[in-house]
Amino acid sequence: MEHDFFDLELAQTAFLGKQLSDLLRLLDSQAGAVYRDSGIVVPVAVSSTLMALHAFEPLSMADVATILKHPHQTIAQHLGILDKFHLIEKRSDPKDRRRSEIILTKQGRAEADRLEICLSQIARAYKAFYAEIGIDLSAVMLAAQEALTDAPLKARLSQIMTLDETL
């Protein structure tokens, strides 16, 4: 007996989070293969943290979290991974000894340089992919995030329920 859960109309629309999670896993797996072929050791998930440091170092953990719009806990985990690969080091901020700043090691800069080249190639592949499917997923994802930030799902549900009650 074969069942396709997403043949169900409700599942196609209501499980957007699952569909996005499935796509994320697929993209992560495929990008990971490209990274390995390019000699990149960092996991895909910490790439943006490495590249933020590459662009703006020195940064504090709070700075990275703000730049990437990630929770501090996520950034702490990413920095732990980068540290495990000896790509970063922490030092005291010379202007404020209470504050730590993170900088890339020589190895970290070399990894970021390799990653930058790889990411430019991946970006080209994504643009071709967007043309193939007829939609710029990156632009759509940003627009979706902005729209849901402006009007969260709970507010949207309340609005629909209010409209239903008036009918």
C-alpha atoms as a PDB file:
ATOM      1  CA  MET A   1       0.000   0.000   0.000  1.00  0.00           C
ATOM      2  CA  GLU A   2       1.497   3.334  -1.094  1.00  0.00           C
ATOM      3  CA  HIS A   3       0.452   6.669   0.352  1.00  0.00           C
ATOM      4  CA  ASP A   4       1.706  10.117  -0.556  1.00  0.00           C
ATOM      5  CA  PHE A   5       1.010  12.352   2.413  1.00  0.00           C
ATOM      6  CA  PHE A   6       1.382  15.477   0.292  1.00  0.00           C
ATOM      7  CA  ASP A   7      -1.388  14.356  -2.050  1.00  0.00           C
ATOM      8  CA  LEU A   8      -3.675  15.480   0.756  1.00  0.00           C
ATOM      9  CA  GLU A   9      -4.682  19.100   0.151  1.00  0.00           C
ATOM     10  CA  LEU A  10      -4.401  20.025   3.829  1.00  0.00           C
ATOM     11  CA  ALA A  11      -0.862  18.635   4.044  1.00  0.00           C
ATOM     12  CA  GLN A  12       0.245  20.593   0.967  1.00  0.00           C
ATOM     13  CA  THR A  13      -0.692  23.874   2.605  1.00  0.00           C
ATOM     14  CA  ALA A  14      -0.633  23.416   6.366  1.00  0.00           C
ATOM     15  CA  PHE A  15       2.736  21.682   6.642  1.00  0.00           C
ATOM     16  CA  LEU A  16       4.805  24.484   5.179  1.00  0.00           C
ATOM     17  CA  GLY A  17       7.309  24.158   8.027  1.00  0.00           C
ATOM     18  CA  LYS A  18       7.850  20.471   7.280  1.00  0.00           C
ATOM     19  CA  GLN A  19       8.307  21.179   3.586  1.00  0.00           C
ATOM     20  CA  LEU A  20      10.840  23.921   4.356  1.00  0.00           C
ATOM     21  CA  SER A  21      12.645  21.644   6.795  1.00  0.00           C
ATOM     22  CA  ASP A  22      12.784  18.886   4.170  1.00  0.00           C
ATOM     23  CA  LEU A  23      14.158  21.358   1.610  1.00  0.00           C
ATOM     24  CA  LEU A  24      16.712  22.614   4.140  1.00  0.00           C
ATOM     25  CA  ARG A  25      17.947  19.070   4.795  1.00  0.00           C
ATOM     26  CA  LEU A  26      18.254  18.450   1.050  1.00  0.00           C
ATOM     27  CA  LEU A  27      20.102  21.727   0.446  1.00  0.00           C
ATOM     28  CA  ASP A  28      22.373  21.112   3.442  1.00  0.00           C
ATOM     29  CA  SER A  29      23.255  17.632   2.211  1.00  0.00           C
ATOM     30  CA  GLN A  30      23.952  18.754  -1.348  1.00  0.00           C
ATOM     31  CA  ALA A  31      25.927  21.849  -0.294  1.00  0.00           C
ATOM     32  CA  GLY A  32      27.899  19.655   2.120  1.00  0.00           C
ATOM     33  CA  ALA A  33      28.965  17.458  -0.786  1.00  0.00           C
ATOM     34  CA  VAL A  34      30.096  20.545  -2.730  1.00  0.00           C
ATOM     35  CA  TYR A  35      31.987  21.789   0.346  1.00  0.00           C
ATOM     36  CA  ARG A  36      33.815  18.479   0.726  1.00  0.00           C
ATOM     37  CA  ASP A  37      34.755  18.490  -2.981  1.00  0.00           C
ATOM     38  CA  SER A  38      36.121  22.022  -2.485  1.00  0.00           C
ATOM     39  CA  GLY A  39      38.200  21.034   0.542  1.00  0.00           C
ATOM     40  CA  ILE A  40      36.018  22.970   2.980  1.00  0.00           C
ATOM     41  CA  VAL A  41      35.849  21.426   6.450  1.00  0.00           C
ATOM     42  CA  VAL A  42      33.218  23.567   8.169  1.00  0.00           C
ATOM     43  CA  PRO A  43      29.657  22.268   8.208  1.00  0.00           C
ATOM     44  CA  VAL A  44      27.194  24.150   6.007  1.00  0.00           C
ATOM     45  CA  ALA A  45      25.250  25.286   9.083  1.00  0.00           C
ATOM     46  CA  VAL A  46      28.149  27.385  10.414  1.00  0.00           C
ATOM     47  CA  SER A  47      29.129  28.959   7.089  1.00  0.00           C
ATOM     48  CA  SER A  48      27.336  32.234   7.705  1.00  0.00           C
ATOM     49  CA  THR A  49      29.061  32.606  11.088  1.00  0.00           C
ATOM     50  CA  LEU A  50      32.468  32.086   9.502  1.00  0.00           C
ATOM     51  CA  MET A  51      31.676  34.536   6.713  1.00  0.00           C
ATOM     52  CA  ALA A  52      30.341  37.188   9.127  1.00  0.00           C
ATOM     53  CA  LEU A  53      33.609  37.012  11.026  1.00  0.00           C
ATOM     54  CA  HIS A  54      35.532  37.136   7.748  1.00  0.00           C
ATOM     55  CA  ALA A  55      33.690  40.284   6.691  1.00  0.00           C
ATOM     56  CA  PHE A  56      33.592  42.181   9.985  1.00  0.00           C
ATOM     57  CA  GLU A  57      36.125  40.786  12.468  1.00  0.00           C
ATOM     58  CA  PRO A  58      36.751  41.365  15.284  1.00  0.00           C
ATOM     59  CA  LEU A  59      33.248  40.672  16.588  1.00  0.00           C
ATOM     60  CA  SER A  60      31.755  39.703  19.906  1.00  0.00           C
ATOM     61  CA  MET A  61      29.347  36.785  20.109  1.00  0.00           C
ATOM     62  CA  ALA A  62      26.514  39.314  20.519  1.00  0.00           C
ATOM     63  CA  ASP A  63      27.686  41.130  17.378  1.00  0.00           C
ATOM     64  CA  VAL A  64      27.567  37.904  15.353  1.00  0.00           C
ATOM     65  CA  ALA A  65      24.118  37.071  16.722  1.00  0.00           C
ATOM     66  CA  THR A  66      22.849  40.525  15.767  1.00  0.00           C
ATOM     67  CA  ILE A  67      24.367  40.437  12.278  1.00  0.00           C
ATOM     68  CA  LEU A  68      22.978  36.965  11.501  1.00  0.00           C
ATOM     69  CA  LYS A  69      19.708  37.403  13.436  1.00  0.00           C
ATOM     70  CA  HIS A  70      20.355  34.164  15.311  1.00  0.00           C
ATOM     71  CA  PRO A  71      19.875  33.419  19.012  1.00  0.00           C
ATOM     72  CA  HIS A  72      23.013  33.718  21.128  1.00  0.00           C
ATOM     73  CA  GLN A  73      22.839  29.995  21.915  1.00  0.00           C
ATOM     74  CA  THR A  74      23.007  29.107  18.210  1.00  0.00           C
ATOM     75  CA  ILE A  75      25.985  31.406  17.695  1.00  0.00           C
ATOM     76  CA  ALA A  76      27.717  29.933  20.754  1.00  0.00           C
ATOM     77  CA  GLN A  77      27.316  26.466  19.203  1.00  0.00           C
ATOM     78  CA  HIS A  78      28.614  27.690  15.833  1.00  0.00           C
ATOM     79  CA  LEU A  79      31.612  29.345  17.468  1.00  0.00           C
ATOM     80  CA  GLY A  80      32.305  26.129  19.360  1.00  0.00           C
ATOM     81  CA  ILE A  81      32.435  24.243  16.063  1.00  0.00           C
ATOM     82  CA  LEU A  82      34.687  26.861  14.477  1.00  0.00           C
ATOM     83  CA  ASP A  83      36.943  26.695  17.537  1.00  0.00           C
ATOM     84  CA  LYS A  84      37.083  22.882  17.300  1.00  0.00           C
ATOM     85  CA  PHE A  85      38.458  23.289  13.768  1.00  0.00           C
ATOM     86  CA  HIS A  86      40.951  25.925  15.056  1.00  0.00           C
ATOM     87  CA  LEU A  87      39.443  28.571  12.768  1.00  0.00           C
ATOM     88  CA  ILE A  88      38.834  31.219  15.443  1.00  0.00           C
ATOM     89  CA  GLU A  89      40.383  32.545  18.606  1.00  0.00           C
ATOM     90  CA  LYS A  90      38.992  34.692  21.362  1.00  0.00           C
ATOM     91  CA  ARG A  91      40.765  37.632  22.868  1.00  0.00           C
ATOM     92  CA  SER A  92      39.924  40.465  25.231  1.00  0.00           C
ATOM     93  CA  ASP A  93      38.675  43.630  23.599  1.00  0.00           C
ATOM     94  CA  PRO A  94      41.539  46.131  24.034  1.00  0.00           C
ATOM     95  CA  LYS A  95      38.980  48.919  24.616  1.00  0.00           C
ATOM     96  CA  ASP A  96      36.853  46.959  27.121  1.00  0.00           C
ATOM     97  CA  ARG A  97      38.517  44.062  28.948  1.00  0.00           C
ATOM     98  CA  ARG A  98      35.081  42.714  30.040  1.00  0.00           C
ATOM     99  CA  ARG A  99      34.202  42.051  26.406  1.00  0.00           C
ATOM    100  CA  SER A 100      35.600  39.173  24.351  1.00  0.00           C
ATOM    101  CA  GLU A 101      36.043  39.456  20.648  1.00  0.00           C
ATOM    102  CA  ILE A 102      36.423  36.696  18.131  1.00  0.00           C
ATOM    103  CA  ILE A 103      38.900  36.776  15.294  1.00  0.00           C
ATOM    104  CA  LEU A 104      39.815  34.294  12.603  1.00  0.00           C
ATOM    105  CA  THR A 105      43.059  32.365  12.806  1.00  0.00           C
ATOM    106  CA  LYS A 106      45.310  32.083   9.778  1.00  0.00           C
ATOM    107  CA  GLN A 107      43.590  28.738   9.122  1.00  0.00           C
ATOM    108  CA  GLY A 108      40.204  30.439   9.541  1.00  0.00           C
ATOM    109  CA  ARG A 109      41.025  33.082   6.947  1.00  0.00           C
ATOM    110  CA  ALA A 110      42.147  30.411   4.483  1.00  0.00           C
ATOM    111  CA  GLU A 111      38.937  28.439   5.096  1.00  0.00           C
ATOM    112  CA  ALA A 112      36.843  31.603   4.635  1.00  0.00           C
ATOM    113  CA  ASP A 113      38.666  32.384   1.377  1.00  0.00           C
ATOM    114  CA  ARG A 114      37.934  28.862   0.055  1.00  0.00           C
ATOM    115  CA  LEU A 115      34.346  29.147   1.232  1.00  0.00           C
ATOM    116  CA  GLU A 116      33.889  32.517  -0.450  1.00  0.00           C
ATOM    117  CA  ILE A 117      34.898  31.035  -3.811  1.00  0.00           C
ATOM    118  CA  CYS A 118      32.652  28.021  -3.255  1.00  0.00           C
ATOM    119  CA  LEU A 119      29.704  30.195  -2.222  1.00  0.00           C
ATOM    120  CA  SER A 120      30.014  32.309  -5.371  1.00  0.00           C
ATOM    121  CA  GLN A 121      29.793  29.114  -7.421  1.00  0.00           C
ATOM    122  CA  ILE A 122      26.836  27.860  -5.369  1.00  0.00           C
ATOM    123  CA  ALA A 123      25.107  31.221  -5.853  1.00  0.00           C
ATOM    124  CA  ARG A 124      25.439  30.829  -9.625  1.00  0.00           C
ATOM    125  CA  ALA A 125      23.984  27.318  -9.422  1.00  0.00           C
ATOM    126  CA  TYR A 126      21.093  28.597  -7.299  1.00  0.00           C
ATOM    127  CA  LYS A 127      20.346  31.360  -9.816  1.00  0.00           C
ATOM    128  CA  ALA A 128      20.134  28.745 -12.571  1.00  0.00           C
ATOM    129  CA  PHE A 129      17.945  26.612 -10.290  1.00  0.00           C
ATOM    130  CA  TYR A 130      15.635  29.606  -9.637  1.00  0.00           C
ATOM    131  CA  ALA A 131      15.337  30.188 -13.384  1.00  0.00           C
ATOM    132  CA  GLU A 132      14.488  26.510 -13.862  1.00  0.00           C
ATOM    133  CA  ILE A 133      11.688  26.529 -11.287  1.00  0.00           C
ATOM    134  CA  GLY A 134      10.516  30.013 -12.245  1.00  0.00           C
ATOM    135  CA  ILE A 135      10.895  31.616  -8.812  1.00  0.00           C
ATOM    136  CA  ASP A 136      13.689  33.262  -6.846  1.00  0.00           C
ATOM    137  CA  LEU A 137      13.426  31.247  -3.625  1.00  0.00           C
ATOM    138  CA  SER A 138      15.845  33.526  -1.818  1.00  0.00           C
ATOM    139  CA  ALA A 139      13.713  36.613  -2.488  1.00  0.00           C
ATOM    140  CA  VAL A 140      10.527  34.714  -1.621  1.00  0.00           C
ATOM    141  CA  MET A 141      12.017  33.465   1.665  1.00  0.00           C
ATOM    142  CA  LEU A 142      13.063  36.982   2.666  1.00  0.00           C
ATOM    143  CA  ALA A 143       9.629  38.347   1.767  1.00  0.00           C
ATOM    144  CA  ALA A 144       7.953  35.552   3.747  1.00  0.00           C
ATOM    145  CA  GLN A 145      10.103  36.253   6.809  1.00  0.00           C
ATOM    146  CA  GLU A 146       9.334  39.953   6.619  1.00  0.00           C
ATOM    147  CA  ALA A 147       5.589  39.382   6.166  1.00  0.00           C
ATOM    148  CA  LEU A 148       5.421  36.947   9.090  1.00  0.00           C
ATOM    149  CA  THR A 149       7.442  39.308  11.265  1.00  0.00           C
ATOM    150  CA  ASP A 150       5.043  42.142  10.419  1.00  0.00           C
ATOM    151  CA  ALA A 151       1.935  39.972  10.923  1.00  0.00           C
ATOM    152  CA  PRO A 152       2.644  36.716  12.793  1.00  0.00           C
ATOM    153  CA  LEU A 153       0.661  33.559  12.081  1.00  0.00           C
ATOM    154  CA  LYS A 154      -1.346  33.940  15.311  1.00  0.00           C
ATOM    155  CA  ALA A 155      -2.494  37.427  14.255  1.00  0.00           C
ATOM    156  CA  ARG A 156      -3.381  36.123  10.814  1.00  0.00           C
ATOM    157  CA  LEU A 157      -5.458  33.340  12.391  1.00  0.00           C
ATOM    158  CA  SER A 158      -7.269  35.845  14.617  1.00  0.00           C
ATOM    159  CA  GLN A 159      -8.073  37.970  11.589  1.00  0.00           C
ATOM    160  CA  ILE A 160      -9.464  34.960   9.701  1.00  0.00           C
ATOM    161  CA  MET A 161     -11.528  33.868  12.725  1.00  0.00           C
ATOM    162  CA  THR A 162     -12.941  37.387  13.050  1.00  0.00           C
ATOM    163  CA  LEU A 163     -13.876  37.428   9.377  1.00  0.00           C
ATOM    164  CA  ASP A 164     -15.505  33.999   9.703  1.00  0.00           C
ATOM    165  CA  GLU A 165     -17.564  35.187  12.679  1.00  0.00           C
ATOM    166  CA  THR A 166     -18.868  38.217  10.771  1.00  0.00           C
ATOM    167  CA  LEU A 167     -20.076  36.076   7.884  1.00  0.00           C
END
